[in-house]
Amino acid sequence: MTISIVIGFIALAVLVYRLRHIHYTFVCELRSGKVTVVKGHVPSSFVHDCRQMMRGRKVVGLVKGINSDGKMKLRFSSSIAQSDQIYLEKQFPHKLYDSKSSDINGSVSLD
């Protein structure tokens, strides 16, 4: 009886950990007018759009991409203004990440 309770708690802990641990497809750091790809592959057009948005302004934060149900969702640091988030969301090439297409040409990666 006690062993089954311990195994149940361990299974529950593993499940909670897996649900909370988000796998980001990519992570970009925006700092001092530079865009650094921290993880994954990012379309070069999106990197260019980030640089354009940051031109002449101090923008610091992270842009994270999460592939959820075959669609890319972007998450932004709270330090990135809402208007900048909307701009980047509109500029992001979501079609490259749809579930039917797995090839991302013209991407920038950490490698």
Foldseek 3Di string as FASTA:
>chain_A
DVVVVVVVVVVVVVVVVVVPDADWQWKWWDAPLAIDTPAHKAAPQLRVQSSVVPVPHGQTWMWTWGQDQQWIDIDIDPSGDPVVVVSSVVRGPRVCRGNVHDDRPRIDGPD
